[in-house]
């Protein structure tokens, strides 16, 4: 059976807020740039496969979208 505690219960160590903020900012950056990469690949595939631009045109479209997105997300 569980014991009855009448005093305050320690639930864990103190939070390291600086490390938490650092990890959260790294997660947001990774999410941001992975989403940009997926969007650039989709635009390149759309231009190359459906738009009739071919492999070179699709690759160029992907690079242009990635460069513009990188500039805007900085």
C-alpha atoms as a PDB file:
ATOM      1  CA  UNK A   1       0.000   0.000   0.000  1.00  0.00           C
ATOM      2  CA  UNK A   2       1.056   3.559  -0.588  1.00  0.00           C
ATOM      3  CA  UNK A   3       2.141   5.559   2.385  1.00  0.00           C
ATOM      4  CA  UNK A   4       0.311   8.735   3.313  1.00  0.00           C
ATOM      5  CA  UNK A   5       2.590  11.792   3.176  1.00  0.00           C
ATOM      6  CA  UNK A   6       1.376  14.894   4.954  1.00  0.00           C
ATOM      7  CA  UNK A   7       4.269  17.139   3.883  1.00  0.00           C
ATOM      8  CA  UNK A   8       5.355  18.490   0.504  1.00  0.00           C
ATOM      9  CA  UNK A   9       6.414  15.882  -1.985  1.00  0.00           C
ATOM     10  CA  UNK A  10       9.478  16.446  -4.153  1.00  0.00           C
ATOM     11  CA  UNK A  11       8.455  15.688  -7.747  1.00  0.00           C
ATOM     12  CA  UNK A  12      11.898  15.869  -9.292  1.00  0.00           C
ATOM     13  CA  UNK A  13      14.913  18.057  -9.770  1.00  0.00           C
ATOM     14  CA  UNK A  14      14.693  21.755 -10.479  1.00  0.00           C
ATOM     15  CA  UNK A  15      14.154  22.678 -14.126  1.00  0.00           C
ATOM     16  CA  UNK A  16      17.160  23.856 -16.108  1.00  0.00           C
ATOM     17  CA  UNK A  17      15.325  26.558 -18.049  1.00  0.00           C
ATOM     18  CA  UNK A  18      18.337  27.655 -20.096  1.00  0.00           C
ATOM     19  CA  UNK A  19      18.836  24.108 -21.415  1.00  0.00           C
ATOM     20  CA  UNK A  20      15.096  23.766 -22.022  1.00  0.00           C
ATOM     21  CA  UNK A  21      15.041  26.962 -24.117  1.00  0.00           C
ATOM     22  CA  UNK A  22      18.105  25.832 -26.087  1.00  0.00           C
ATOM     23  CA  UNK A  23      16.569  22.445 -26.876  1.00  0.00           C
ATOM     24  CA  UNK A  24      13.227  24.001 -27.831  1.00  0.00           C
ATOM     25  CA  UNK A  25      14.905  26.494 -30.183  1.00  0.00           C
ATOM     26  CA  UNK A  26      16.868  23.668 -31.835  1.00  0.00           C
ATOM     27  CA  UNK A  27      13.626  21.720 -32.299  1.00  0.00           C
ATOM     28  CA  UNK A  28      11.899  24.730 -33.869  1.00  0.00           C
ATOM     29  CA  UNK A  29      14.818  25.295 -36.243  1.00  0.00           C
ATOM     30  CA  UNK A  30      14.865  21.653 -37.299  1.00  0.00           C
ATOM     31  CA  UNK A  31      11.112  21.695 -37.872  1.00  0.00           C
ATOM     32  CA  UNK A  32      11.304  24.923 -39.856  1.00  0.00           C
ATOM     33  CA  UNK A  33      14.039  23.801 -42.223  1.00  0.00           C
ATOM     34  CA  UNK A  34      12.715  20.253 -42.672  1.00  0.00           C
ATOM     35  CA  UNK A  35       9.341  21.718 -43.653  1.00  0.00           C
ATOM     36  CA  UNK A  36      11.096  24.019 -46.109  1.00  0.00           C
ATOM     37  CA  UNK A  37      12.958  21.053 -47.583  1.00  0.00           C
ATOM     38  CA  UNK A  38       9.752  19.067 -48.049  1.00  0.00           C
ATOM     39  CA  UNK A  39       8.013  22.034 -49.676  1.00  0.00           C
ATOM     40  CA  UNK A  40      10.959  22.627 -52.033  1.00  0.00           C
ATOM     41  CA  UNK A  41      11.018  18.962 -53.049  1.00  0.00           C
ATOM     42  CA  UNK A  42       7.271  18.988 -53.708  1.00  0.00           C
ATOM     43  CA  UNK A  43       7.516  22.147 -55.841  1.00  0.00           C
ATOM     44  CA  UNK A  44      10.405  20.639 -57.792  1.00  0.00           C
ATOM     45  CA  UNK A  45       8.522  17.396 -58.357  1.00  0.00           C
ATOM     46  CA  UNK A  46       5.408  19.270 -59.433  1.00  0.00           C
ATOM     47  CA  UNK A  47       7.328  21.428 -61.896  1.00  0.00           C
ATOM     48  CA  UNK A  48       9.322  18.504 -63.251  1.00  0.00           C
ATOM     49  CA  UNK A  49       6.669  15.827 -63.462  1.00  0.00           C
ATOM     50  CA  UNK A  50       3.421  17.704 -64.013  1.00  0.00           C
ATOM     51  CA  UNK A  51       4.557  21.060 -65.347  1.00  0.00           C
ATOM     52  CA  UNK A  52       6.599  19.696 -68.202  1.00  0.00           C
ATOM     53  CA  UNK A  53       9.828  21.352 -67.032  1.00  0.00           C
ATOM     54  CA  UNK A  54      11.721  18.076 -66.980  1.00  0.00           C
ATOM     55  CA  UNK A  55      14.500  17.086 -64.610  1.00  0.00           C
ATOM     56  CA  UNK A  56      16.582  20.246 -65.006  1.00  0.00           C
ATOM     57  CA  UNK A  57      13.594  22.583 -64.670  1.00  0.00           C
ATOM     58  CA  UNK A  58      12.304  20.742 -61.614  1.00  0.00           C
ATOM     59  CA  UNK A  59      15.730  20.843 -59.990  1.00  0.00           C
ATOM     60  CA  UNK A  60      16.014  24.562 -60.720  1.00  0.00           C
ATOM     61  CA  UNK A  61      12.555  25.207 -59.271  1.00  0.00           C
ATOM     62  CA  UNK A  62      13.491  23.250 -56.143  1.00  0.00           C
ATOM     63  CA  UNK A  63      16.738  25.192 -55.687  1.00  0.00           C
ATOM     64  CA  UNK A  64      15.013  28.548 -56.204  1.00  0.00           C
ATOM     65  CA  UNK A  65      12.246  27.741 -53.692  1.00  0.00           C
ATOM     66  CA  UNK A  66      14.791  26.464 -51.176  1.00  0.00           C
ATOM     67  CA  UNK A  67      16.965  29.582 -51.536  1.00  0.00           C
ATOM     68  CA  UNK A  68      14.037  31.988 -51.198  1.00  0.00           C
ATOM     69  CA  UNK A  69      12.646  30.045 -48.239  1.00  0.00           C
ATOM     70  CA  UNK A  70      16.022  29.942 -46.504  1.00  0.00           C
ATOM     71  CA  UNK A  71      16.383  33.697 -46.953  1.00  0.00           C
ATOM     72  CA  UNK A  72      12.889  34.359 -45.577  1.00  0.00           C
ATOM     73  CA  UNK A  73      13.256  31.994 -42.608  1.00  0.00           C
ATOM     74  CA  UNK A  74      16.569  33.421 -41.410  1.00  0.00           C
END
